[in-house]
Amino acid sequence: MVALSCINRGLFIPTEIKPIDKPQQKSLELIQLYEGDLLMTRSNVRERVGDAAIVRNPLPHTIFSDLIYRLTPTSIINVEFLAACLLSRVGRNQIEIFARGSSGTMPKITQGHVKSLIVPLPPIDEQGEIVAYLDMQCANIDKLISELNYEIALFAEYRTRIISDVVTGKLDVRGVVVPEYEAVEDFTESENEGEAESMESEE
């Protein structure tokens, strides 16, 4: 069964699952996940309730829990366009307003709330163009994130190796002089003093 964490700000993470006893075959057919399904969290912390994601590469025999909705849009709306609307600032504002009335740390949104959400509805072909544009832009962003994460991982590995080498004695740091850093003057204050001196000289 997929956990709430399988839906993470528009991304579906197929490995975030919890093993459970196999349900009856009839129930399994109703809650089985399929490629392209649009899921929404029914309950979560306030900033994550109503989070949505499209199912990609689900593991075999994966089902969803009663804390997750499966949304089935009509033929007049592209499922990827609908997901983008739900994740947009306009969509999130509506969801957070609906969830605001719930108490506790895990607010919920009802089916009535979901059906009340207002989304733009351009022609279906225009929706496809918007989705294609978003895919292109997000691909560039995802590439940058991947590159930055790789560099961060390298720095973390380098840091771990230095610590290990020093602790185990592979790196001798005896006699190493730690440089002393002078206090940096307040730039704003220095700048203001310079302006004051300039004004005095002009007078």
N, C-alpha and C. Protein backbone atom coordinates (compact mmCIF):
# COMPACT_ATOMS: atom_id res chain seq x y z
N MET A 1 0.85 -1.19 0.00
CA MET A 1 0.00 0.00 0.00
C MET A 1 0.89 1.24 0.00
N VAL A 2 0.53 2.22 -0.84
CA VAL A 2 1.33 3.44 -0.88
C VAL A 2 1.09 4.26 0.37
N ALA A 3 2.16 4.88 0.88
CA ALA A 3 2.05 5.76 2.03
C ALA A 3 1.80 7.18 1.55
N LEU A 4 1.43 8.07 2.47
CA LEU A 4 1.22 9.46 2.10
C LEU A 4 2.47 10.07 1.48
N SER A 5 3.63 9.59 1.93
CA SER A 5 4.89 10.13 1.44
C SER A 5 5.18 9.77 -0.01
N CYS A 6 4.34 8.91 -0.61
CA CYS A 6 4.55 8.57 -2.02
C CYS A 6 4.17 9.75 -2.91
N ILE A 7 3.40 10.70 -2.35
CA ILE A 7 3.01 11.90 -3.10
C ILE A 7 3.77 13.07 -2.50
N ASN A 8 4.74 13.56 -3.23
CA ASN A 8 5.64 14.56 -2.68
C ASN A 8 5.75 15.75 -3.63
N ARG A 9 4.91 16.77 -3.41
CA ARG A 9 4.93 18.01 -4.18
C ARG A 9 4.92 17.75 -5.69
N GLY A 10 3.96 16.94 -6.10
CA GLY A 10 3.78 16.69 -7.52
C GLY A 10 4.52 15.49 -8.06
N LEU A 11 5.36 14.87 -7.24
CA LEU A 11 6.11 13.69 -7.69
C LEU A 11 5.55 12.44 -7.04
N PHE A 12 5.47 11.37 -7.83
CA PHE A 12 5.04 10.08 -7.30
C PHE A 12 6.28 9.23 -7.04
N ILE A 13 6.43 8.76 -5.79
CA ILE A 13 7.58 7.96 -5.39
C ILE A 13 7.11 6.53 -5.15
N PRO A 14 7.29 5.63 -6.13
CA PRO A 14 6.70 4.29 -6.05
C PRO A 14 7.25 3.41 -4.95
N THR A 15 8.43 3.76 -4.42
CA THR A 15 9.04 2.91 -3.39
C THR A 15 8.53 3.22 -1.99
N GLU A 16 7.75 4.31 -1.83
CA GLU A 16 7.21 4.66 -0.51
C GLU A 16 5.94 3.84 -0.26
N ILE A 17 6.12 2.59 0.08
CA ILE A 17 4.97 1.70 0.26
C ILE A 17 5.08 0.97 1.60
N LYS A 18 3.94 0.47 2.05
CA LYS A 18 3.88 -0.30 3.30
C LYS A 18 3.26 -1.66 2.98
N PRO A 19 3.90 -2.76 3.39
CA PRO A 19 3.31 -4.08 3.14
C PRO A 19 2.08 -4.32 4.01
N ILE A 20 1.04 -4.91 3.42
CA ILE A 20 -0.17 -5.25 4.16
C ILE A 20 -0.65 -6.62 3.68
N ASP A 21 -1.59 -7.17 4.42
CA ASP A 21 -2.20 -8.43 3.98
C ASP A 21 -2.98 -8.20 2.69
N LYS A 22 -2.95 -9.17 1.82
CA LYS A 22 -3.61 -9.03 0.53
C LYS A 22 -5.12 -8.92 0.72
N PRO A 23 -5.74 -7.85 0.18
CA PRO A 23 -7.19 -7.71 0.32
C PRO A 23 -7.92 -8.68 -0.60
N GLN A 24 -9.22 -8.73 -0.46
CA GLN A 24 -10.03 -9.58 -1.32
C GLN A 24 -9.92 -9.10 -2.77
N GLN A 25 -10.07 -10.03 -3.70
CA GLN A 25 -9.88 -9.73 -5.11
C GLN A 25 -10.78 -8.59 -5.58
N LYS A 26 -12.04 -8.57 -5.12
CA LYS A 26 -12.97 -7.53 -5.54
C LYS A 26 -12.50 -6.16 -5.05
N SER A 27 -12.03 -6.10 -3.82
CA SER A 27 -11.53 -4.84 -3.28
C SER A 27 -10.24 -4.43 -3.98
N LEU A 28 -9.41 -5.41 -4.30
CA LEU A 28 -8.14 -5.13 -4.95
C LEU A 28 -8.34 -4.44 -6.28
N GLU A 29 -9.33 -4.85 -7.03
CA GLU A 29 -9.59 -4.24 -8.33
C GLU A 29 -9.99 -2.78 -8.21
N LEU A 30 -10.66 -2.41 -7.11
CA LEU A 30 -11.12 -1.05 -6.93
C LEU A 30 -10.02 -0.10 -6.50
N ILE A 31 -9.02 -0.62 -5.78
CA ILE A 31 -7.99 0.26 -5.23
C ILE A 31 -6.60 -0.02 -5.81
N GLN A 32 -6.55 -0.80 -6.87
CA GLN A 32 -5.27 -1.07 -7.54
C GLN A 32 -4.79 0.20 -8.25
N LEU A 33 -3.49 0.48 -8.16
CA LEU A 33 -2.93 1.65 -8.84
C LEU A 33 -2.51 1.28 -10.26
N TYR A 34 -2.74 2.23 -11.17
CA TYR A 34 -2.37 2.02 -12.56
C TYR A 34 -1.58 3.23 -13.07
N GLU A 35 -0.77 2.98 -14.08
CA GLU A 35 0.00 4.05 -14.71
C GLU A 35 -0.93 5.17 -15.16
N GLY A 36 -0.58 6.41 -14.79
CA GLY A 36 -1.37 7.57 -15.22
C GLY A 36 -2.47 7.98 -14.27
N ASP A 37 -2.69 7.22 -13.19
CA ASP A 37 -3.68 7.62 -12.20
C ASP A 37 -3.27 8.95 -11.55
N LEU A 38 -4.25 9.78 -11.26
CA LEU A 38 -4.00 11.03 -10.54
C LEU A 38 -4.43 10.86 -9.09
N LEU A 39 -3.47 11.00 -8.18
CA LEU A 39 -3.74 10.81 -6.76
C LEU A 39 -3.68 12.14 -6.02
N MET A 40 -4.47 12.24 -4.95
CA MET A 40 -4.44 13.42 -4.08
C MET A 40 -4.54 12.96 -2.63
N THR A 41 -3.71 13.55 -1.79
CA THR A 41 -3.76 13.20 -0.37
C THR A 41 -5.01 13.81 0.26
N ARG A 42 -5.77 12.98 0.97
CA ARG A 42 -7.00 13.43 1.63
C ARG A 42 -6.70 14.03 2.99
N SER A 43 -5.64 13.55 3.63
CA SER A 43 -5.26 14.03 4.95
C SER A 43 -3.74 14.08 5.04
N ASN A 44 -3.24 15.13 5.64
CA ASN A 44 -1.79 15.28 5.81
C ASN A 44 -1.56 16.53 6.64
N VAL A 45 -0.29 16.88 6.88
CA VAL A 45 0.00 18.16 7.53
C VAL A 45 -0.50 19.27 6.61
N ARG A 46 -0.74 20.44 7.14
CA ARG A 46 -1.45 21.49 6.41
C ARG A 46 -0.80 21.82 5.07
N GLU A 47 0.52 21.91 5.03
CA GLU A 47 1.16 22.30 3.78
C GLU A 47 1.23 21.17 2.76
N ARG A 48 0.82 19.95 3.16
CA ARG A 48 0.87 18.83 2.24
C ARG A 48 -0.49 18.21 1.96
N VAL A 49 -1.52 18.61 2.69
CA VAL A 49 -2.84 18.07 2.43
C VAL A 49 -3.29 18.54 1.04
N GLY A 50 -3.89 17.65 0.27
CA GLY A 50 -4.31 18.00 -1.08
C GLY A 50 -3.17 17.95 -2.09
N ASP A 51 -2.01 17.47 -1.67
CA ASP A 51 -0.89 17.31 -2.61
C ASP A 51 -1.29 16.30 -3.68
N ALA A 52 -0.87 16.53 -4.91
CA ALA A 52 -1.30 15.67 -6.01
C ALA A 52 -0.10 15.19 -6.82
N ALA A 53 -0.26 14.03 -7.42
CA ALA A 53 0.80 13.47 -8.28
C ALA A 53 0.19 12.44 -9.21
N ILE A 54 0.79 12.30 -10.38
CA ILE A 54 0.38 11.29 -11.35
C ILE A 54 1.24 10.05 -11.15
N VAL A 55 0.61 8.90 -11.12
CA VAL A 55 1.31 7.64 -10.89
C VAL A 55 2.21 7.32 -12.08
N ARG A 56 3.48 7.08 -11.78
CA ARG A 56 4.44 6.69 -12.81
C ARG A 56 5.20 5.46 -12.32
N ASN A 57 5.25 4.44 -13.15
CA ASN A 57 5.97 3.20 -12.86
C ASN A 57 5.61 2.60 -11.50
N PRO A 58 4.33 2.33 -11.24
CA PRO A 58 3.97 1.75 -9.95
C PRO A 58 4.46 0.32 -9.83
N LEU A 59 4.81 -0.08 -8.62
CA LEU A 59 5.21 -1.45 -8.39
C LEU A 59 4.00 -2.37 -8.51
N PRO A 60 4.20 -3.62 -8.90
CA PRO A 60 3.06 -4.54 -9.07
C PRO A 60 2.25 -4.69 -7.78
N HIS A 61 0.94 -4.81 -7.94
CA HIS A 61 0.00 -5.07 -6.83
C HIS A 61 0.03 -3.96 -5.78
N THR A 62 0.28 -2.72 -6.22
CA THR A 62 0.26 -1.59 -5.29
C THR A 62 -1.15 -1.01 -5.22
N ILE A 63 -1.61 -0.74 -4.01
CA ILE A 63 -2.93 -0.16 -3.81
C ILE A 63 -2.79 1.14 -3.02
N PHE A 64 -3.87 1.93 -3.00
CA PHE A 64 -3.81 3.18 -2.24
C PHE A 64 -4.73 3.09 -1.03
N SER A 65 -4.42 3.89 -0.02
CA SER A 65 -5.14 3.83 1.25
C SER A 65 -6.34 4.78 1.24
N ASP A 66 -7.10 4.76 2.33
CA ASP A 66 -8.27 5.64 2.43
C ASP A 66 -7.88 7.07 2.76
N LEU A 67 -6.59 7.34 2.89
CA LEU A 67 -6.11 8.71 3.08
C LEU A 67 -5.73 9.37 1.76
N ILE A 68 -6.00 8.66 0.67
CA ILE A 68 -5.65 9.15 -0.66
C ILE A 68 -6.86 9.02 -1.58
N TYR A 69 -7.11 10.08 -2.35
CA TYR A 69 -8.15 10.04 -3.38
C TYR A 69 -7.53 9.68 -4.72
N ARG A 70 -8.28 8.96 -5.55
CA ARG A 70 -7.92 8.81 -6.96
C ARG A 70 -8.91 9.66 -7.77
N LEU A 71 -8.41 10.67 -8.48
CA LEU A 71 -9.26 11.57 -9.25
C LEU A 71 -9.35 11.08 -10.69
N THR A 72 -10.55 11.05 -11.22
CA THR A 72 -10.76 10.61 -12.60
C THR A 72 -11.40 11.76 -13.37
N PRO A 73 -10.59 12.56 -14.09
CA PRO A 73 -11.13 13.71 -14.81
C PRO A 73 -11.95 13.27 -16.03
N THR A 74 -12.85 14.14 -16.46
CA THR A 74 -13.65 13.87 -17.65
C THR A 74 -12.80 14.09 -18.90
N SER A 75 -13.39 13.80 -20.05
CA SER A 75 -12.65 13.89 -21.31
C SER A 75 -12.32 15.32 -21.72
N ILE A 76 -12.89 16.31 -21.04
CA ILE A 76 -12.64 17.70 -21.44
C ILE A 76 -11.43 18.30 -20.72
N ILE A 77 -10.76 17.52 -19.88
CA ILE A 77 -9.60 18.05 -19.18
C ILE A 77 -8.46 17.04 -19.19
N ASN A 78 -7.29 17.51 -19.55
CA ASN A 78 -6.07 16.71 -19.58
C ASN A 78 -5.64 16.41 -18.14
N VAL A 79 -5.36 15.15 -17.83
CA VAL A 79 -5.03 14.78 -16.45
C VAL A 79 -3.76 15.48 -15.98
N GLU A 80 -2.79 15.66 -16.86
CA GLU A 80 -1.56 16.35 -16.47
C GLU A 80 -1.81 17.85 -16.26
N PHE A 81 -2.72 18.40 -17.05
CA PHE A 81 -3.09 19.81 -16.86
C PHE A 81 -3.81 19.99 -15.53
N LEU A 82 -4.69 19.06 -15.21
CA LEU A 82 -5.41 19.13 -13.93
C LEU A 82 -4.43 19.04 -12.76
N ALA A 83 -3.46 18.14 -12.86
CA ALA A 83 -2.45 18.02 -11.80
C ALA A 83 -1.69 19.33 -11.62
N ALA A 84 -1.34 19.97 -12.74
CA ALA A 84 -0.63 21.25 -12.67
C ALA A 84 -1.48 22.31 -12.00
N CYS A 85 -2.79 22.32 -12.30
CA CYS A 85 -3.69 23.30 -11.67
C CYS A 85 -3.75 23.09 -10.16
N LEU A 86 -3.82 21.84 -9.74
CA LEU A 86 -3.91 21.54 -8.31
C LEU A 86 -2.63 21.94 -7.57
N LEU A 87 -1.49 21.86 -8.27
CA LEU A 87 -0.21 22.17 -7.65
C LEU A 87 0.14 23.65 -7.75
N SER A 88 -0.61 24.40 -8.56
CA SER A 88 -0.33 25.81 -8.73
C SER A 88 -0.68 26.58 -7.46
N ARG A 89 -0.24 27.83 -7.40
CA ARG A 89 -0.53 28.65 -6.22
C ARG A 89 -2.03 28.86 -6.07
N VAL A 90 -2.73 29.03 -7.19
CA VAL A 90 -4.18 29.23 -7.14
C VAL A 90 -4.86 27.98 -6.59
N GLY A 91 -4.44 26.81 -7.06
CA GLY A 91 -5.01 25.57 -6.57
C GLY A 91 -4.72 25.34 -5.09
N ARG A 92 -3.47 25.59 -4.70
CA ARG A 92 -3.08 25.40 -3.31
C ARG A 92 -3.84 26.34 -2.38
N ASN A 93 -4.06 27.58 -2.83
CA ASN A 93 -4.80 28.52 -1.99
C ASN A 93 -6.19 28.00 -1.68
N GLN A 94 -6.86 27.46 -2.68
CA GLN A 94 -8.20 26.93 -2.46
C GLN A 94 -8.17 25.74 -1.50
N ILE A 95 -7.21 24.85 -1.71
CA ILE A 95 -7.11 23.65 -0.87
C ILE A 95 -6.83 24.03 0.58
N GLU A 96 -5.92 24.98 0.79
CA GLU A 96 -5.56 25.38 2.14
C GLU A 96 -6.72 26.09 2.85
N ILE A 97 -7.55 26.79 2.09
CA ILE A 97 -8.74 27.42 2.68
C ILE A 97 -9.72 26.35 3.15
N PHE A 98 -9.93 25.34 2.32
CA PHE A 98 -10.83 24.24 2.70
C PHE A 98 -10.30 23.50 3.93
N ALA A 99 -8.99 23.30 3.99
CA ALA A 99 -8.41 22.54 5.09
C ALA A 99 -8.31 23.35 6.37
N ARG A 100 -8.45 24.63 6.27
CA ARG A 100 -8.26 25.51 7.43
C ARG A 100 -9.28 25.24 8.53
N GLY A 101 -10.47 24.81 8.15
CA GLY A 101 -11.50 24.59 9.14
C GLY A 101 -11.32 23.32 9.94
N SER A 102 -10.37 22.46 9.53
CA SER A 102 -10.16 21.20 10.24
C SER A 102 -9.27 21.43 11.44
N SER A 103 -9.45 20.63 12.47
CA SER A 103 -8.66 20.78 13.69
C SER A 103 -7.54 19.75 13.72
N GLY A 104 -6.58 19.95 14.63
CA GLY A 104 -5.50 18.99 14.78
C GLY A 104 -4.37 19.26 13.80
N THR A 105 -3.38 18.38 13.87
CA THR A 105 -2.20 18.55 13.02
C THR A 105 -2.35 17.90 11.66
N MET A 106 -3.43 17.14 11.45
CA MET A 106 -3.63 16.46 10.17
C MET A 106 -4.99 16.85 9.59
N PRO A 107 -5.11 18.07 9.06
CA PRO A 107 -6.39 18.48 8.48
C PRO A 107 -6.75 17.63 7.27
N LYS A 108 -8.03 17.61 6.94
CA LYS A 108 -8.53 16.79 5.84
C LYS A 108 -9.31 17.65 4.85
N ILE A 109 -9.40 17.17 3.63
CA ILE A 109 -10.30 17.77 2.66
C ILE A 109 -11.28 16.68 2.22
N THR A 110 -12.52 17.07 2.04
CA THR A 110 -13.57 16.11 1.71
C THR A 110 -13.75 16.01 0.19
N GLN A 111 -14.53 15.02 -0.23
CA GLN A 111 -14.86 14.90 -1.64
C GLN A 111 -15.61 16.14 -2.12
N GLY A 112 -16.44 16.70 -1.24
CA GLY A 112 -17.15 17.93 -1.59
C GLY A 112 -16.21 19.08 -1.85
N HIS A 113 -15.14 19.17 -1.05
CA HIS A 113 -14.14 20.21 -1.27
C HIS A 113 -13.48 20.03 -2.63
N VAL A 114 -13.11 18.80 -2.95
CA VAL A 114 -12.43 18.52 -4.21
C VAL A 114 -13.33 18.90 -5.39
N LYS A 115 -14.61 18.55 -5.30
CA LYS A 115 -15.54 18.85 -6.38
C LYS A 115 -15.81 20.35 -6.49
N SER A 116 -15.54 21.10 -5.43
CA SER A 116 -15.77 22.55 -5.43
C SER A 116 -14.58 23.34 -5.96
N LEU A 117 -13.45 22.69 -6.18
CA LEU A 117 -12.26 23.40 -6.65
C LEU A 117 -12.52 24.01 -8.03
N ILE A 118 -12.09 25.23 -8.21
CA ILE A 118 -12.25 25.93 -9.48
C ILE A 118 -10.92 25.88 -10.25
N VAL A 119 -10.95 25.36 -11.46
CA VAL A 119 -9.74 25.28 -12.29
C VAL A 119 -10.04 25.88 -13.65
N PRO A 120 -9.05 26.49 -14.30
CA PRO A 120 -9.27 27.02 -15.65
C PRO A 120 -9.52 25.87 -16.62
N LEU A 121 -10.24 26.15 -17.68
CA LEU A 121 -10.58 25.08 -18.62
C LEU A 121 -10.44 25.58 -20.06
N PRO A 122 -9.19 25.77 -20.51
CA PRO A 122 -9.00 26.13 -21.93
C PRO A 122 -9.30 24.92 -22.81
N PRO A 123 -9.33 25.10 -24.14
CA PRO A 123 -9.55 23.97 -25.04
C PRO A 123 -8.53 22.86 -24.79
N ILE A 124 -8.94 21.62 -25.04
CA ILE A 124 -8.12 20.46 -24.71
C ILE A 124 -6.76 20.50 -25.40
N ASP A 125 -6.71 21.00 -26.67
CA ASP A 125 -5.43 21.08 -27.36
C ASP A 125 -4.51 22.12 -26.73
N GLU A 126 -5.10 23.20 -26.23
CA GLU A 126 -4.31 24.23 -25.54
C GLU A 126 -3.78 23.70 -24.21
N GLN A 127 -4.57 22.89 -23.56
CA GLN A 127 -4.10 22.25 -22.33
C GLN A 127 -2.85 21.42 -22.61
N GLY A 128 -2.87 20.68 -23.72
CA GLY A 128 -1.71 19.87 -24.09
C GLY A 128 -0.48 20.72 -24.34
N GLU A 129 -0.67 21.88 -24.96
CA GLU A 129 0.45 22.79 -25.22
C GLU A 129 1.02 23.32 -23.91
N ILE A 130 0.15 23.64 -22.98
CA ILE A 130 0.59 24.14 -21.67
C ILE A 130 1.39 23.06 -20.94
N VAL A 131 0.90 21.83 -20.98
CA VAL A 131 1.60 20.71 -20.33
C VAL A 131 2.98 20.51 -20.96
N ALA A 132 3.06 20.58 -22.29
CA ALA A 132 4.34 20.40 -22.99
C ALA A 132 5.33 21.49 -22.58
N TYR A 133 4.85 22.73 -22.45
CA TYR A 133 5.72 23.83 -22.03
C TYR A 133 6.21 23.61 -20.60
N LEU A 134 5.31 23.20 -19.72
CA LEU A 134 5.68 22.96 -18.32
C LEU A 134 6.70 21.82 -18.23
N ASP A 135 6.51 20.77 -19.02
CA ASP A 135 7.46 19.64 -19.01
C ASP A 135 8.85 20.11 -19.41
N MET A 136 8.91 20.96 -20.43
CA MET A 136 10.21 21.45 -20.90
C MET A 136 10.90 22.29 -19.84
N GLN A 137 10.15 23.22 -19.24
CA GLN A 137 10.73 24.09 -18.23
C GLN A 137 11.14 23.31 -16.98
N CYS A 138 10.28 22.39 -16.56
CA CYS A 138 10.59 21.60 -15.36
C CYS A 138 11.77 20.67 -15.59
N ALA A 139 11.92 20.19 -16.83
CA ALA A 139 13.06 19.32 -17.15
C ALA A 139 14.37 20.07 -16.95
N ASN A 140 14.41 21.34 -17.35
CA ASN A 140 15.61 22.15 -17.16
C ASN A 140 15.90 22.35 -15.67
N ILE A 141 14.85 22.62 -14.91
CA ILE A 141 15.01 22.81 -13.47
C ILE A 141 15.47 21.52 -12.80
N ASP A 142 14.85 20.39 -13.19
CA ASP A 142 15.22 19.10 -12.61
C ASP A 142 16.68 18.76 -12.91
N LYS A 143 17.15 19.14 -14.10
CA LYS A 143 18.55 18.89 -14.47
C LYS A 143 19.48 19.67 -13.56
N LEU A 144 19.16 20.94 -13.31
CA LEU A 144 19.98 21.77 -12.42
C LEU A 144 19.99 21.21 -11.00
N ILE A 145 18.82 20.78 -10.54
CA ILE A 145 18.73 20.20 -9.19
C ILE A 145 19.59 18.95 -9.10
N SER A 146 19.53 18.10 -10.14
CA SER A 146 20.32 16.88 -10.15
C SER A 146 21.82 17.18 -10.12
N GLU A 147 22.24 18.18 -10.89
CA GLU A 147 23.65 18.55 -10.91
C GLU A 147 24.10 19.09 -9.56
N LEU A 148 23.27 19.93 -8.95
CA LEU A 148 23.61 20.49 -7.63
C LEU A 148 23.65 19.40 -6.57
N ASN A 149 22.71 18.47 -6.62
CA ASN A 149 22.70 17.37 -5.66
C ASN A 149 23.95 16.51 -5.80
N TYR A 150 24.40 16.32 -7.03
CA TYR A 150 25.63 15.54 -7.27
C TYR A 150 26.84 16.24 -6.65
N GLU A 151 26.92 17.56 -6.85
CA GLU A 151 28.05 18.31 -6.28
C GLU A 151 27.99 18.30 -4.75
N ILE A 152 26.78 18.44 -4.20
CA ILE A 152 26.63 18.40 -2.74
C ILE A 152 27.07 17.05 -2.20
N ALA A 153 26.72 15.97 -2.91
CA ALA A 153 27.12 14.62 -2.49
C ALA A 153 28.64 14.47 -2.51
N LEU A 154 29.29 15.06 -3.52
CA LEU A 154 30.76 15.00 -3.59
C LEU A 154 31.40 15.74 -2.42
N PHE A 155 30.88 16.92 -2.10
CA PHE A 155 31.41 17.69 -0.96
C PHE A 155 31.19 16.93 0.35
N ALA A 156 30.03 16.32 0.49
CA ALA A 156 29.74 15.55 1.71
C ALA A 156 30.69 14.37 1.83
N GLU A 157 30.95 13.71 0.70
CA GLU A 157 31.88 12.57 0.71
C GLU A 157 33.30 13.03 1.06
N TYR A 158 33.70 14.18 0.51
CA TYR A 158 35.03 14.73 0.79
C TYR A 158 35.14 15.09 2.27
N ARG A 159 34.09 15.69 2.83
CA ARG A 159 34.09 16.05 4.24
C ARG A 159 34.22 14.81 5.12
N THR A 160 33.45 13.78 4.79
CA THR A 160 33.50 12.53 5.57
C THR A 160 34.89 11.91 5.50
N ARG A 161 35.50 11.94 4.31
CA ARG A 161 36.83 11.34 4.15
C ARG A 161 37.88 12.09 4.95
N ILE A 162 37.80 13.44 4.99
CA ILE A 162 38.76 14.22 5.77
C ILE A 162 38.62 13.90 7.25
N ILE A 163 37.38 13.86 7.74
CA ILE A 163 37.16 13.55 9.15
C ILE A 163 37.72 12.17 9.48
N SER A 164 37.45 11.20 8.63
CA SER A 164 37.92 9.84 8.86
C SER A 164 39.44 9.78 8.85
N ASP A 165 40.07 10.47 7.90
CA ASP A 165 41.54 10.44 7.80
C ASP A 165 42.19 11.10 9.01
N VAL A 166 41.59 12.18 9.52
CA VAL A 166 42.15 12.86 10.69
C VAL A 166 41.98 11.99 11.93
N VAL A 167 40.80 11.42 12.12
CA VAL A 167 40.52 10.62 13.31
C VAL A 167 41.37 9.36 13.35
N THR A 168 41.59 8.74 12.21
CA THR A 168 42.36 7.48 12.16
C THR A 168 43.86 7.72 12.04
N GLY A 169 44.28 8.97 11.93
CA GLY A 169 45.71 9.27 11.87
C GLY A 169 46.30 9.20 10.48
N LYS A 170 45.50 8.94 9.48
CA LYS A 170 46.04 8.91 8.11
C LYS A 170 46.48 10.29 7.65
N LEU A 171 45.87 11.30 8.23
CA LEU A 171 46.22 12.67 7.92
C LEU A 171 46.74 13.32 9.19
N ASP A 172 48.03 13.68 9.18
CA ASP A 172 48.68 14.26 10.36
C ASP A 172 48.45 15.77 10.35
N VAL A 173 47.72 16.25 11.35
CA VAL A 173 47.41 17.68 11.42
C VAL A 173 48.20 18.37 12.52
N ARG A 174 49.16 17.66 13.11
CA ARG A 174 50.00 18.31 14.12
C ARG A 174 50.86 19.38 13.48
N GLY A 175 50.89 20.51 14.13
CA GLY A 175 51.69 21.61 13.61
C GLY A 175 50.97 22.45 12.57
N VAL A 176 49.76 22.05 12.22
CA VAL A 176 49.00 22.84 11.26
C VAL A 176 48.54 24.12 11.93
N VAL A 177 48.83 25.23 11.33
CA VAL A 177 48.46 26.53 11.88
C VAL A 177 47.10 26.92 11.35
N VAL A 178 46.19 27.14 12.27
CA VAL A 178 44.84 27.57 11.87
C VAL A 178 44.88 29.08 11.65
N PRO A 179 44.54 29.54 10.46
CA PRO A 179 44.60 30.99 10.18
C PRO A 179 43.62 31.77 11.03
N GLU A 180 44.05 32.95 11.43
CA GLU A 180 43.18 33.83 12.18
C GLU A 180 42.53 34.82 11.22
N TYR A 181 41.24 34.99 11.38
CA TYR A 181 40.50 35.88 10.49
C TYR A 181 40.20 37.17 11.21
N GLU A 182 40.50 38.28 10.55
CA GLU A 182 40.21 39.59 11.13
C GLU A 182 38.72 39.88 11.00
N ALA A 183 38.21 40.62 11.97
CA ALA A 183 36.81 40.99 11.92
C ALA A 183 36.55 41.87 10.71
N VAL A 184 35.50 41.57 9.99
CA VAL A 184 35.16 42.36 8.81
C VAL A 184 34.40 43.60 9.25
N GLU A 185 34.85 44.77 8.78
CA GLU A 185 34.19 46.01 9.15
C GLU A 185 32.79 46.04 8.55
N ASP A 186 31.92 46.73 9.25
CA ASP A 186 30.55 46.87 8.76
C ASP A 186 30.58 47.71 7.49
N PHE A 187 30.20 47.10 6.38
CA PHE A 187 30.29 47.77 5.09
C PHE A 187 29.39 49.00 5.03
N THR A 188 28.21 48.87 5.58
CA THR A 188 27.25 49.97 5.53
C THR A 188 27.78 51.17 6.30
N GLU A 189 28.36 50.88 7.49
CA GLU A 189 28.88 51.97 8.31
C GLU A 189 30.03 52.66 7.62
N SER A 190 30.97 51.88 7.04
CA SER A 190 32.11 52.45 6.34
C SER A 190 31.65 53.28 5.16
N GLU A 191 30.64 52.74 4.45
CA GLU A 191 30.13 53.44 3.29
C GLU A 191 29.51 54.77 3.69
N ASN A 192 28.75 54.78 4.80
CA ASN A 192 28.12 56.01 5.26
C ASN A 192 29.15 57.04 5.69
N GLU A 193 30.24 56.56 6.36
CA GLU A 193 31.30 57.47 6.77
C GLU A 193 31.95 58.11 5.56
N GLY A 194 32.14 57.29 4.50
CA GLY A 194 32.75 57.82 3.29
C GLY A 194 31.87 58.87 2.65
N GLU A 195 30.56 58.65 2.66
CA GLU A 195 29.64 59.62 2.08
C GLU A 195 29.64 60.91 2.89
N ALA A 196 29.72 60.78 4.23
CA ALA A 196 29.73 61.97 5.08
C ALA A 196 30.98 62.80 4.83
N GLU A 197 32.15 62.13 4.73
CA GLU A 197 33.39 62.85 4.46
C GLU A 197 33.35 63.54 3.14
N SER A 198 32.72 62.88 2.14
CA SER A 198 32.61 63.47 0.81
C SER A 198 31.74 64.72 0.84
N MET A 199 30.65 64.69 1.60
CA MET A 199 29.75 65.83 1.70
C MET A 199 30.46 67.00 2.42
N GLU A 200 31.25 66.69 3.45
CA GLU A 200 31.95 67.75 4.18
C GLU A 200 32.97 68.44 3.28
N SER A 201 33.66 67.63 2.46
CA SER A 201 34.67 68.24 1.58
C SER A 201 34.03 69.12 0.52
N GLU A 202 32.81 68.74 0.09
CA GLU A 202 32.12 69.55 -0.91
C GLU A 202 31.68 70.87 -0.33
N GLU A 203 31.30 70.86 0.99
CA GLU A 203 30.89 72.10 1.63
C GLU A 203 32.08 73.04 1.82
